[in-house]
């Protein structure tokens, strides 16, 4: 991550983490995020839903970075085609973000992921006086992801067998690995 991109990502992560710590049950930095200087972030666990928030360098351009929030509507869903149909319906209803299925290596099940990327030139300095709109966008986006982590699981699990993610290192890693493009 370029120095400016690393600082911008760090400021954005810190801003959003400070909001999350005041609003949600548990906020922590998974151990694997400490291993890469190119990714900064944290996890939120609230009312049964796990959300991962992170800033990461663009592989194509080290001066550019992406800010992503993600949750899993359901993990280990054995009916992959049913999960894909559910995700496609949700994508038609969603105004922002996208749902997709990450099929496990053995192809016996999948995880249904919701990811929301926030892109704005104002992300370069969320602390600037003229960045109020992007601060509100970040706050709203996190609230949407936390809500989706809980509500989407309930909805998906009413149709298909699935498990929710827990506030564990392995489930946070599962979510991170499922959001890498």
N, C-alpha and C. Protein backbone atom coordinates (compact mmCIF):
# COMPACT_ATOMS: atom_id res chain seq x y z
N UNK A 1 0.87 -1.16 0.00
CA UNK A 1 0.00 0.00 0.00
C UNK A 1 0.91 1.21 0.00
N UNK A 2 0.64 2.16 -0.88
CA UNK A 2 1.40 3.39 -0.88
C UNK A 2 1.22 4.13 0.44
N UNK A 3 2.20 4.95 0.79
CA UNK A 3 2.16 5.64 2.08
C UNK A 3 0.89 6.47 2.23
N UNK A 4 0.55 7.27 1.22
CA UNK A 4 -0.67 8.08 1.31
C UNK A 4 -1.92 7.21 1.40
N UNK A 5 -1.96 6.14 0.61
CA UNK A 5 -3.11 5.24 0.65
C UNK A 5 -3.21 4.56 2.01
N UNK A 6 -2.06 4.16 2.58
CA UNK A 6 -2.07 3.51 3.89
C UNK A 6 -2.60 4.47 4.96
N UNK A 7 -2.17 5.73 4.91
CA UNK A 7 -2.65 6.71 5.89
C UNK A 7 -4.14 6.99 5.71
N UNK A 8 -4.58 7.11 4.48
CA UNK A 8 -6.00 7.37 4.22
C UNK A 8 -6.85 6.20 4.71
N UNK A 9 -6.40 4.98 4.40
CA UNK A 9 -7.15 3.80 4.87
C UNK A 9 -7.16 3.76 6.39
N UNK A 10 -6.04 4.05 7.01
CA UNK A 10 -5.95 4.04 8.47
C UNK A 10 -6.89 5.04 9.12
N UNK A 11 -6.96 6.26 8.57
CA UNK A 11 -7.87 7.27 9.11
C UNK A 11 -9.32 6.83 8.96
N UNK A 12 -9.64 6.27 7.82
CA UNK A 12 -11.02 5.83 7.57
C UNK A 12 -11.39 4.68 8.50
N UNK A 13 -10.50 3.71 8.64
CA UNK A 13 -10.75 2.57 9.54
C UNK A 13 -10.92 3.07 10.97
N UNK A 14 -10.03 3.94 11.42
CA UNK A 14 -10.12 4.45 12.79
C UNK A 14 -11.41 5.23 13.03
N UNK A 15 -11.80 6.05 12.05
CA UNK A 15 -13.05 6.81 12.19
C UNK A 15 -14.23 5.86 12.36
N UNK A 16 -14.34 4.88 11.48
CA UNK A 16 -15.49 3.98 11.52
C UNK A 16 -15.43 3.06 12.75
N UNK A 17 -14.24 2.65 13.12
CA UNK A 17 -14.12 1.81 14.31
C UNK A 17 -14.58 2.57 15.56
N UNK A 18 -14.25 3.85 15.65
CA UNK A 18 -14.69 4.63 16.82
C UNK A 18 -16.21 4.70 16.90
N UNK A 19 -16.87 4.79 15.75
CA UNK A 19 -18.34 4.75 15.74
C UNK A 19 -18.84 3.38 16.15
N UNK A 20 -18.24 2.33 15.60
CA UNK A 20 -18.68 0.95 15.88
C UNK A 20 -18.53 0.62 17.36
N UNK A 21 -17.44 1.06 17.98
CA UNK A 21 -17.22 0.75 19.40
C UNK A 21 -18.27 1.38 20.30
N UNK A 22 -18.87 2.47 19.86
CA UNK A 22 -19.92 3.12 20.66
C UNK A 22 -21.29 2.49 20.42
N UNK A 23 -21.46 1.74 19.33
CA UNK A 23 -22.79 1.26 18.95
C UNK A 23 -23.00 -0.23 19.05
N UNK A 24 -21.96 -1.02 18.89
CA UNK A 24 -22.15 -2.46 18.72
C UNK A 24 -21.53 -3.27 19.85
N UNK A 25 -22.02 -4.51 20.01
CA UNK A 25 -21.65 -5.37 21.13
C UNK A 25 -20.15 -5.65 21.23
N UNK A 26 -19.57 -6.08 20.15
CA UNK A 26 -18.15 -6.45 20.18
C UNK A 26 -17.45 -5.95 18.92
N UNK A 27 -16.31 -5.28 19.11
CA UNK A 27 -15.49 -4.80 18.00
C UNK A 27 -14.06 -5.21 18.30
N UNK A 28 -13.40 -5.86 17.35
CA UNK A 28 -12.02 -6.30 17.55
C UNK A 28 -11.30 -6.38 16.22
N UNK A 29 -9.98 -6.48 16.30
CA UNK A 29 -9.16 -6.67 15.11
C UNK A 29 -8.73 -8.13 15.06
N UNK A 30 -9.20 -8.88 14.06
CA UNK A 30 -8.78 -10.27 13.94
C UNK A 30 -7.26 -10.36 13.75
N UNK A 31 -6.66 -11.39 14.29
CA UNK A 31 -5.20 -11.55 14.25
C UNK A 31 -4.64 -11.50 12.84
N UNK A 32 -5.33 -12.09 11.87
CA UNK A 32 -4.78 -12.14 10.51
C UNK A 32 -4.62 -10.75 9.90
N UNK A 33 -5.40 -9.77 10.36
CA UNK A 33 -5.26 -8.41 9.82
C UNK A 33 -3.97 -7.75 10.30
N UNK A 34 -3.40 -8.22 11.39
CA UNK A 34 -2.12 -7.69 11.87
C UNK A 34 -0.96 -8.18 11.02
N UNK A 35 -1.17 -9.21 10.22
CA UNK A 35 -0.09 -9.83 9.45
C UNK A 35 0.21 -9.12 8.13
N UNK A 36 -0.67 -8.27 7.67
CA UNK A 36 -0.47 -7.60 6.39
C UNK A 36 -0.54 -6.09 6.56
N UNK A 37 0.53 -5.40 6.22
CA UNK A 37 0.48 -3.93 6.30
C UNK A 37 -0.41 -3.32 5.20
N UNK A 38 -0.78 -4.14 4.22
CA UNK A 38 -1.60 -3.64 3.11
C UNK A 38 -3.09 -3.72 3.37
N UNK A 39 -3.49 -4.28 4.51
CA UNK A 39 -4.90 -4.38 4.86
C UNK A 39 -5.06 -3.89 6.30
N UNK A 40 -5.99 -2.98 6.49
CA UNK A 40 -6.30 -2.48 7.83
C UNK A 40 -7.79 -2.63 8.03
N UNK A 41 -8.21 -3.06 9.21
CA UNK A 41 -9.64 -3.22 9.41
C UNK A 41 -9.98 -3.71 10.80
N UNK A 42 -11.24 -4.12 10.93
CA UNK A 42 -11.76 -4.63 12.19
C UNK A 42 -13.01 -5.45 11.92
N UNK A 43 -13.43 -6.18 12.94
CA UNK A 43 -14.66 -6.98 12.85
C UNK A 43 -15.65 -6.48 13.88
N UNK A 44 -16.93 -6.63 13.56
CA UNK A 44 -18.03 -6.26 14.45
C UNK A 44 -18.91 -7.49 14.61
N UNK A 45 -19.26 -7.81 15.85
CA UNK A 45 -20.24 -8.85 16.11
C UNK A 45 -21.36 -8.21 16.92
N UNK A 46 -22.57 -8.26 16.38
CA UNK A 46 -23.70 -7.60 17.04
C UNK A 46 -24.96 -8.42 16.81
N UNK A 47 -25.61 -8.80 17.90
CA UNK A 47 -26.89 -9.52 17.85
C UNK A 47 -26.87 -10.73 16.92
N UNK A 48 -25.75 -11.42 16.91
CA UNK A 48 -25.65 -12.65 16.13
C UNK A 48 -25.10 -12.48 14.73
N UNK A 49 -24.72 -11.27 14.33
CA UNK A 49 -24.20 -11.05 12.98
C UNK A 49 -22.75 -10.60 13.01
N UNK A 50 -21.94 -11.13 12.10
CA UNK A 50 -20.53 -10.78 11.99
C UNK A 50 -20.31 -9.94 10.74
N UNK A 51 -19.63 -8.80 10.92
CA UNK A 51 -19.30 -7.90 9.81
C UNK A 51 -17.80 -7.66 9.83
N UNK A 52 -17.19 -7.66 8.65
CA UNK A 52 -15.78 -7.33 8.52
C UNK A 52 -15.68 -6.02 7.74
N UNK A 53 -14.89 -5.10 8.27
CA UNK A 53 -14.69 -3.78 7.66
C UNK A 53 -13.20 -3.63 7.42
N UNK A 54 -12.81 -3.30 6.17
CA UNK A 54 -11.38 -3.14 5.93
C UNK A 54 -11.08 -2.26 4.72
N UNK A 55 -9.89 -1.69 4.76
CA UNK A 55 -9.34 -0.96 3.64
C UNK A 55 -8.16 -1.75 3.11
N UNK A 56 -8.07 -1.91 1.79
CA UNK A 56 -6.99 -2.70 1.18
C UNK A 56 -6.51 -2.02 -0.09
N UNK A 57 -5.23 -2.19 -0.35
CA UNK A 57 -4.61 -1.63 -1.54
C UNK A 57 -5.17 -2.31 -2.79
N UNK A 58 -5.24 -1.54 -3.87
CA UNK A 58 -5.60 -2.11 -5.16
C UNK A 58 -4.37 -2.81 -5.73
N UNK A 59 -4.49 -4.07 -6.15
CA UNK A 59 -3.32 -4.77 -6.70
C UNK A 59 -2.78 -4.10 -7.96
N UNK A 60 -3.63 -3.41 -8.70
CA UNK A 60 -3.21 -2.77 -9.93
C UNK A 60 -2.49 -1.44 -9.70
N UNK A 61 -2.78 -0.78 -8.58
CA UNK A 61 -2.22 0.55 -8.35
C UNK A 61 -2.02 0.77 -6.85
N UNK A 62 -0.77 0.72 -6.37
CA UNK A 62 -0.52 0.82 -4.93
C UNK A 62 -0.91 2.17 -4.32
N UNK A 63 -1.21 3.16 -5.13
CA UNK A 63 -1.66 4.45 -4.60
C UNK A 63 -3.18 4.48 -4.40
N UNK A 64 -3.88 3.46 -4.91
CA UNK A 64 -5.34 3.39 -4.81
C UNK A 64 -5.73 2.31 -3.81
N UNK A 65 -6.81 2.53 -3.10
CA UNK A 65 -7.27 1.54 -2.14
C UNK A 65 -8.78 1.44 -2.18
N UNK A 66 -9.30 0.35 -1.68
CA UNK A 66 -10.74 0.11 -1.64
C UNK A 66 -11.16 -0.05 -0.19
N UNK A 67 -12.33 0.45 0.12
CA UNK A 67 -12.88 0.30 1.46
C UNK A 67 -14.09 -0.60 1.35
N UNK A 68 -14.06 -1.73 2.07
CA UNK A 68 -15.10 -2.74 1.93
C UNK A 68 -15.68 -3.12 3.29
N UNK A 69 -17.00 -3.36 3.27
CA UNK A 69 -17.70 -3.91 4.43
C UNK A 69 -18.41 -5.16 3.92
N UNK A 70 -18.36 -6.22 4.71
CA UNK A 70 -18.95 -7.47 4.25
C UNK A 70 -19.52 -8.27 5.42
N UNK A 71 -20.53 -9.06 5.09
CA UNK A 71 -21.11 -9.99 6.06
C UNK A 71 -21.56 -11.24 5.30
N UNK A 72 -21.89 -12.27 6.05
CA UNK A 72 -22.37 -13.51 5.45
C UNK A 72 -23.82 -13.71 5.85
N UNK A 73 -24.67 -13.85 4.83
CA UNK A 73 -26.09 -14.14 5.11
C UNK A 73 -26.24 -15.55 5.65
N UNK A 74 -25.37 -16.45 5.22
CA UNK A 74 -25.39 -17.82 5.71
C UNK A 74 -24.14 -18.55 5.26
N UNK A 75 -23.60 -19.35 6.14
CA UNK A 75 -22.40 -20.13 5.83
C UNK A 75 -22.77 -21.61 5.70
N UNK A 76 -21.96 -22.31 4.95
CA UNK A 76 -22.10 -23.76 4.79
C UNK A 76 -23.50 -24.15 4.30
N UNK A 77 -23.99 -23.44 3.30
CA UNK A 77 -25.30 -23.72 2.71
C UNK A 77 -25.13 -24.88 1.72
N UNK A 78 -25.76 -26.03 1.97
CA UNK A 78 -25.56 -27.18 1.09
C UNK A 78 -26.27 -27.08 -0.26
N UNK A 79 -27.33 -26.30 -0.33
CA UNK A 79 -28.08 -26.14 -1.58
C UNK A 79 -27.52 -24.94 -2.34
N UNK A 80 -26.48 -25.18 -3.14
CA UNK A 80 -25.79 -24.10 -3.83
C UNK A 80 -26.70 -23.40 -4.83
N UNK A 81 -27.47 -24.15 -5.60
CA UNK A 81 -28.35 -23.51 -6.59
C UNK A 81 -29.44 -22.70 -5.89
N UNK A 82 -29.95 -23.19 -4.77
CA UNK A 82 -30.94 -22.42 -4.01
C UNK A 82 -30.33 -21.15 -3.43
N UNK A 83 -29.09 -21.25 -2.97
CA UNK A 83 -28.40 -20.07 -2.44
C UNK A 83 -28.16 -19.05 -3.54
N UNK A 84 -27.81 -19.50 -4.73
CA UNK A 84 -27.59 -18.58 -5.86
C UNK A 84 -28.90 -17.89 -6.24
N UNK A 85 -29.98 -18.63 -6.24
CA UNK A 85 -31.28 -18.02 -6.54
C UNK A 85 -31.63 -16.97 -5.48
N UNK A 86 -31.41 -17.29 -4.21
CA UNK A 86 -31.69 -16.34 -3.13
C UNK A 86 -30.84 -15.08 -3.31
N UNK A 87 -29.54 -15.25 -3.61
CA UNK A 87 -28.64 -14.10 -3.81
C UNK A 87 -29.09 -13.26 -5.01
N UNK A 88 -29.50 -13.90 -6.08
CA UNK A 88 -29.95 -13.15 -7.26
C UNK A 88 -31.20 -12.32 -6.96
N UNK A 89 -32.12 -12.89 -6.22
CA UNK A 89 -33.32 -12.13 -5.83
C UNK A 89 -32.93 -10.94 -4.97
N UNK A 90 -32.04 -11.16 -4.00
CA UNK A 90 -31.60 -10.06 -3.13
C UNK A 90 -30.90 -8.97 -3.93
N UNK A 91 -30.11 -9.35 -4.94
CA UNK A 91 -29.43 -8.35 -5.76
C UNK A 91 -30.42 -7.47 -6.51
N UNK A 92 -31.52 -8.05 -6.94
CA UNK A 92 -32.55 -7.24 -7.63
C UNK A 92 -33.19 -6.24 -6.69
N UNK A 93 -33.24 -6.56 -5.39
CA UNK A 93 -33.86 -5.69 -4.40
C UNK A 93 -32.89 -4.68 -3.79
N UNK A 94 -31.60 -4.97 -3.87
CA UNK A 94 -30.59 -4.13 -3.20
C UNK A 94 -30.32 -2.86 -3.98
N UNK A 95 -30.23 -1.75 -3.27
CA UNK A 95 -29.86 -0.49 -3.90
C UNK A 95 -28.35 -0.31 -3.94
N UNK A 96 -27.66 -0.94 -3.02
CA UNK A 96 -26.20 -0.83 -2.96
C UNK A 96 -25.65 -2.17 -2.49
N UNK A 97 -24.40 -2.43 -2.82
CA UNK A 97 -23.77 -3.68 -2.44
C UNK A 97 -24.20 -4.81 -3.36
N UNK A 98 -23.62 -5.97 -3.10
CA UNK A 98 -23.98 -7.13 -3.93
C UNK A 98 -23.89 -8.40 -3.10
N UNK A 99 -24.75 -9.34 -3.45
CA UNK A 99 -24.77 -10.66 -2.85
C UNK A 99 -24.15 -11.64 -3.84
N UNK A 100 -23.38 -12.57 -3.34
CA UNK A 100 -22.82 -13.61 -4.19
C UNK A 100 -22.52 -14.84 -3.35
N UNK A 101 -22.31 -15.95 -4.03
CA UNK A 101 -22.02 -17.21 -3.36
C UNK A 101 -20.56 -17.58 -3.56
N UNK A 102 -19.92 -17.98 -2.48
CA UNK A 102 -18.55 -18.47 -2.52
C UNK A 102 -18.64 -19.97 -2.28
N UNK A 103 -18.37 -20.74 -3.33
CA UNK A 103 -18.48 -22.19 -3.25
C UNK A 103 -17.20 -22.75 -2.60
N UNK A 104 -17.40 -23.62 -1.64
CA UNK A 104 -16.27 -24.23 -0.94
C UNK A 104 -15.49 -25.14 -1.90
N UNK A 105 -14.23 -25.36 -1.57
CA UNK A 105 -13.33 -26.13 -2.45
C UNK A 105 -13.88 -27.51 -2.79
N UNK A 106 -14.53 -28.16 -1.83
CA UNK A 106 -15.07 -29.50 -2.10
C UNK A 106 -16.40 -29.46 -2.85
N UNK A 107 -16.91 -28.26 -3.10
CA UNK A 107 -18.15 -27.99 -3.83
C UNK A 107 -19.37 -28.61 -3.17
N UNK A 108 -19.28 -28.86 -1.87
CA UNK A 108 -20.40 -29.44 -1.14
C UNK A 108 -21.30 -28.41 -0.50
N UNK A 109 -20.86 -27.16 -0.47
CA UNK A 109 -21.65 -26.10 0.16
C UNK A 109 -21.08 -24.75 -0.26
N UNK A 110 -21.78 -23.70 0.13
CA UNK A 110 -21.30 -22.36 -0.19
C UNK A 110 -21.61 -21.41 0.96
N UNK A 111 -20.99 -20.25 0.91
CA UNK A 111 -21.29 -19.15 1.82
C UNK A 111 -21.96 -18.07 0.99
N UNK A 112 -23.03 -17.48 1.49
CA UNK A 112 -23.71 -16.39 0.80
C UNK A 112 -23.19 -15.09 1.44
N UNK A 113 -22.50 -14.29 0.63
CA UNK A 113 -21.82 -13.10 1.11
C UNK A 113 -22.52 -11.84 0.60
N UNK A 114 -22.56 -10.82 1.45
CA UNK A 114 -22.98 -9.48 1.03
C UNK A 114 -21.76 -8.58 1.20
N UNK A 115 -21.37 -7.87 0.14
CA UNK A 115 -20.23 -6.96 0.21
C UNK A 115 -20.65 -5.59 -0.31
N UNK A 116 -20.17 -4.58 0.37
CA UNK A 116 -20.46 -3.19 0.01
C UNK A 116 -19.14 -2.44 -0.05
N UNK A 117 -18.78 -1.97 -1.24
CA UNK A 117 -17.57 -1.17 -1.41
C UNK A 117 -17.96 0.29 -1.39
N UNK A 118 -17.21 1.07 -0.65
CA UNK A 118 -17.44 2.51 -0.58
C UNK A 118 -16.28 3.19 -1.29
N UNK A 119 -16.59 3.93 -2.33
CA UNK A 119 -15.56 4.64 -3.09
C UNK A 119 -15.94 6.11 -3.17
N UNK A 120 -14.99 6.94 -2.81
CA UNK A 120 -15.19 8.38 -2.90
C UNK A 120 -13.84 9.04 -2.78
N UNK A 121 -13.59 10.10 -3.54
CA UNK A 121 -12.34 10.83 -3.35
C UNK A 121 -12.23 11.40 -1.93
N UNK A 122 -13.36 11.62 -1.29
CA UNK A 122 -13.36 12.15 0.07
C UNK A 122 -12.88 11.14 1.09
N UNK A 123 -12.78 9.86 0.71
CA UNK A 123 -12.26 8.85 1.63
C UNK A 123 -10.79 9.11 1.94
N UNK A 124 -10.11 9.87 1.09
CA UNK A 124 -8.70 10.14 1.34
C UNK A 124 -8.48 10.91 2.63
N UNK A 125 -9.49 11.65 3.09
CA UNK A 125 -9.38 12.32 4.39
C UNK A 125 -10.77 12.49 4.99
N UNK A 126 -11.23 11.46 5.69
CA UNK A 126 -12.57 11.50 6.27
C UNK A 126 -12.66 12.51 7.41
N UNK A 127 -11.51 12.98 7.87
CA UNK A 127 -11.53 13.96 8.96
C UNK A 127 -11.62 15.40 8.45
N UNK A 128 -11.56 15.60 7.14
CA UNK A 128 -11.64 16.96 6.58
C UNK A 128 -13.02 17.56 6.82
N UNK A 129 -13.09 18.88 7.01
CA UNK A 129 -14.39 19.52 7.25
C UNK A 129 -15.41 19.29 6.13
N UNK A 130 -14.94 19.19 4.88
CA UNK A 130 -15.88 19.00 3.77
C UNK A 130 -16.23 17.54 3.52
N UNK A 131 -15.84 16.66 4.43
CA UNK A 131 -16.11 15.22 4.24
C UNK A 131 -17.29 14.73 5.07
N UNK A 132 -18.14 15.63 5.54
CA UNK A 132 -19.29 15.22 6.36
C UNK A 132 -20.18 14.21 5.62
N UNK A 133 -20.39 14.44 4.34
CA UNK A 133 -21.25 13.54 3.56
C UNK A 133 -20.67 12.12 3.52
N UNK A 134 -19.37 11.99 3.34
CA UNK A 134 -18.78 10.66 3.29
C UNK A 134 -18.76 10.01 4.68
N UNK A 135 -18.60 10.79 5.74
CA UNK A 135 -18.68 10.24 7.10
C UNK A 135 -20.08 9.67 7.34
N UNK A 136 -21.11 10.38 6.90
CA UNK A 136 -22.48 9.88 7.05
C UNK A 136 -22.70 8.64 6.19
N UNK A 137 -22.13 8.63 4.99
CA UNK A 137 -22.23 7.45 4.11
C UNK A 137 -21.58 6.23 4.77
N UNK A 138 -20.41 6.41 5.37
CA UNK A 138 -19.73 5.31 6.04
C UNK A 138 -20.55 4.80 7.22
N UNK A 139 -21.07 5.72 8.02
CA UNK A 139 -21.89 5.35 9.18
C UNK A 139 -23.13 4.57 8.75
N UNK A 140 -23.82 5.08 7.73
CA UNK A 140 -25.01 4.40 7.21
C UNK A 140 -24.66 3.04 6.62
N UNK A 141 -23.56 2.97 5.88
CA UNK A 141 -23.15 1.71 5.25
C UNK A 141 -22.85 0.64 6.29
N UNK A 142 -22.18 1.03 7.37
CA UNK A 142 -21.90 0.07 8.44
C UNK A 142 -23.21 -0.41 9.08
N UNK A 143 -24.13 0.50 9.31
CA UNK A 143 -25.42 0.12 9.89
C UNK A 143 -26.15 -0.86 8.98
N UNK A 144 -26.09 -0.65 7.67
CA UNK A 144 -26.72 -1.56 6.71
C UNK A 144 -26.09 -2.95 6.79
N UNK A 145 -24.76 -3.00 6.84
CA UNK A 145 -24.09 -4.31 6.90
C UNK A 145 -24.40 -5.04 8.20
N UNK A 146 -24.41 -4.33 9.31
CA UNK A 146 -24.73 -4.97 10.59
C UNK A 146 -26.17 -5.49 10.55
N UNK A 147 -27.08 -4.69 10.05
CA UNK A 147 -28.48 -5.13 9.93
C UNK A 147 -28.56 -6.36 9.01
N UNK A 148 -27.90 -6.31 7.85
CA UNK A 148 -27.95 -7.42 6.91
C UNK A 148 -27.38 -8.70 7.50
N UNK A 149 -26.34 -8.58 8.31
CA UNK A 149 -25.72 -9.77 8.90
C UNK A 149 -26.73 -10.56 9.72
N UNK A 150 -27.65 -9.87 10.37
CA UNK A 150 -28.65 -10.54 11.21
C UNK A 150 -29.92 -10.87 10.41
N UNK A 151 -30.46 -9.87 9.74
CA UNK A 151 -31.75 -10.05 9.03
C UNK A 151 -31.62 -11.01 7.85
N UNK A 152 -30.53 -10.91 7.10
CA UNK A 152 -30.37 -11.80 5.95
C UNK A 152 -30.22 -13.25 6.38
N UNK A 153 -29.53 -13.48 7.51
CA UNK A 153 -29.42 -14.86 7.98
C UNK A 153 -30.80 -15.42 8.31
N UNK A 154 -31.59 -14.63 9.02
CA UNK A 154 -32.94 -15.11 9.37
C UNK A 154 -33.75 -15.45 8.11
N UNK A 155 -33.65 -14.57 7.11
CA UNK A 155 -34.40 -14.79 5.88
C UNK A 155 -33.88 -16.03 5.14
N UNK A 156 -32.58 -16.08 4.91
CA UNK A 156 -32.01 -17.22 4.19
C UNK A 156 -32.27 -18.53 4.92
N UNK A 157 -32.07 -18.54 6.23
CA UNK A 157 -32.25 -19.77 7.01
C UNK A 157 -33.71 -20.22 7.06
N UNK A 158 -34.64 -19.33 6.77
CA UNK A 158 -36.05 -19.74 6.71
C UNK A 158 -36.33 -20.55 5.43
N UNK A 159 -35.44 -20.47 4.44
CA UNK A 159 -35.59 -21.21 3.19
C UNK A 159 -34.61 -22.37 3.05
N UNK A 160 -33.39 -22.15 3.52
CA UNK A 160 -32.32 -23.12 3.30
C UNK A 160 -31.53 -23.36 4.59
N UNK A 161 -31.02 -24.57 4.78
CA UNK A 161 -30.17 -24.79 5.95
C UNK A 161 -28.89 -23.97 5.82
N UNK A 162 -28.52 -23.27 6.88
CA UNK A 162 -27.32 -22.43 6.88
C UNK A 162 -26.91 -22.22 8.33
N UNK A 163 -25.68 -21.78 8.51
CA UNK A 163 -25.25 -21.44 9.87
C UNK A 163 -24.79 -19.98 9.87
N UNK A 164 -25.00 -19.30 10.98
CA UNK A 164 -24.49 -17.93 11.08
C UNK A 164 -23.00 -17.98 11.41
N UNK A 165 -22.29 -16.91 11.09
CA UNK A 165 -20.89 -16.83 11.49
C UNK A 165 -20.82 -16.42 12.95
N UNK A 166 -19.81 -16.91 13.63
CA UNK A 166 -19.60 -16.61 15.05
C UNK A 166 -18.46 -15.59 15.19
N UNK A 167 -18.32 -14.99 16.36
CA UNK A 167 -17.24 -14.01 16.56
C UNK A 167 -15.91 -14.71 16.84
N UNK A 168 -15.45 -15.48 15.87
CA UNK A 168 -14.21 -16.22 16.01
C UNK A 168 -13.23 -15.82 14.92
N UNK A 169 -11.98 -16.11 15.18
CA UNK A 169 -10.92 -15.81 14.20
C UNK A 169 -11.17 -16.57 12.89
N UNK A 170 -11.55 -17.83 12.99
CA UNK A 170 -11.75 -18.64 11.79
C UNK A 170 -12.93 -18.13 10.95
N UNK A 171 -14.02 -17.71 11.60
CA UNK A 171 -15.15 -17.18 10.83
C UNK A 171 -14.84 -15.80 10.26
N UNK A 172 -14.07 -14.99 10.97
CA UNK A 172 -13.64 -13.70 10.41
C UNK A 172 -12.75 -13.94 9.19
N UNK A 173 -11.87 -14.95 9.26
CA UNK A 173 -11.02 -15.29 8.12
C UNK A 173 -11.86 -15.80 6.95
N UNK A 174 -12.86 -16.64 7.25
CA UNK A 174 -13.76 -17.14 6.21
C UNK A 174 -14.42 -15.97 5.47
N UNK A 175 -14.85 -14.99 6.21
CA UNK A 175 -15.48 -13.81 5.60
C UNK A 175 -14.47 -13.03 4.77
N UNK A 176 -13.27 -12.81 5.30
CA UNK A 176 -12.24 -12.08 4.56
C UNK A 176 -11.87 -12.81 3.27
N UNK A 177 -11.63 -14.10 3.37
CA UNK A 177 -11.24 -14.89 2.19
C UNK A 177 -12.35 -14.88 1.13
N UNK A 178 -13.59 -14.84 1.57
CA UNK A 178 -14.71 -14.83 0.63
C UNK A 178 -14.96 -13.49 -0.03
N UNK A 179 -14.24 -12.45 0.39
CA UNK A 179 -14.45 -11.13 -0.20
C UNK A 179 -13.27 -10.67 -1.04
N UNK A 180 -12.30 -11.55 -1.24
CA UNK A 180 -11.15 -11.18 -2.06
C UNK A 180 -11.49 -11.39 -3.53
N UNK A 181 -11.33 -10.34 -4.32
CA UNK A 181 -11.64 -10.42 -5.76
C UNK A 181 -10.53 -11.11 -6.52
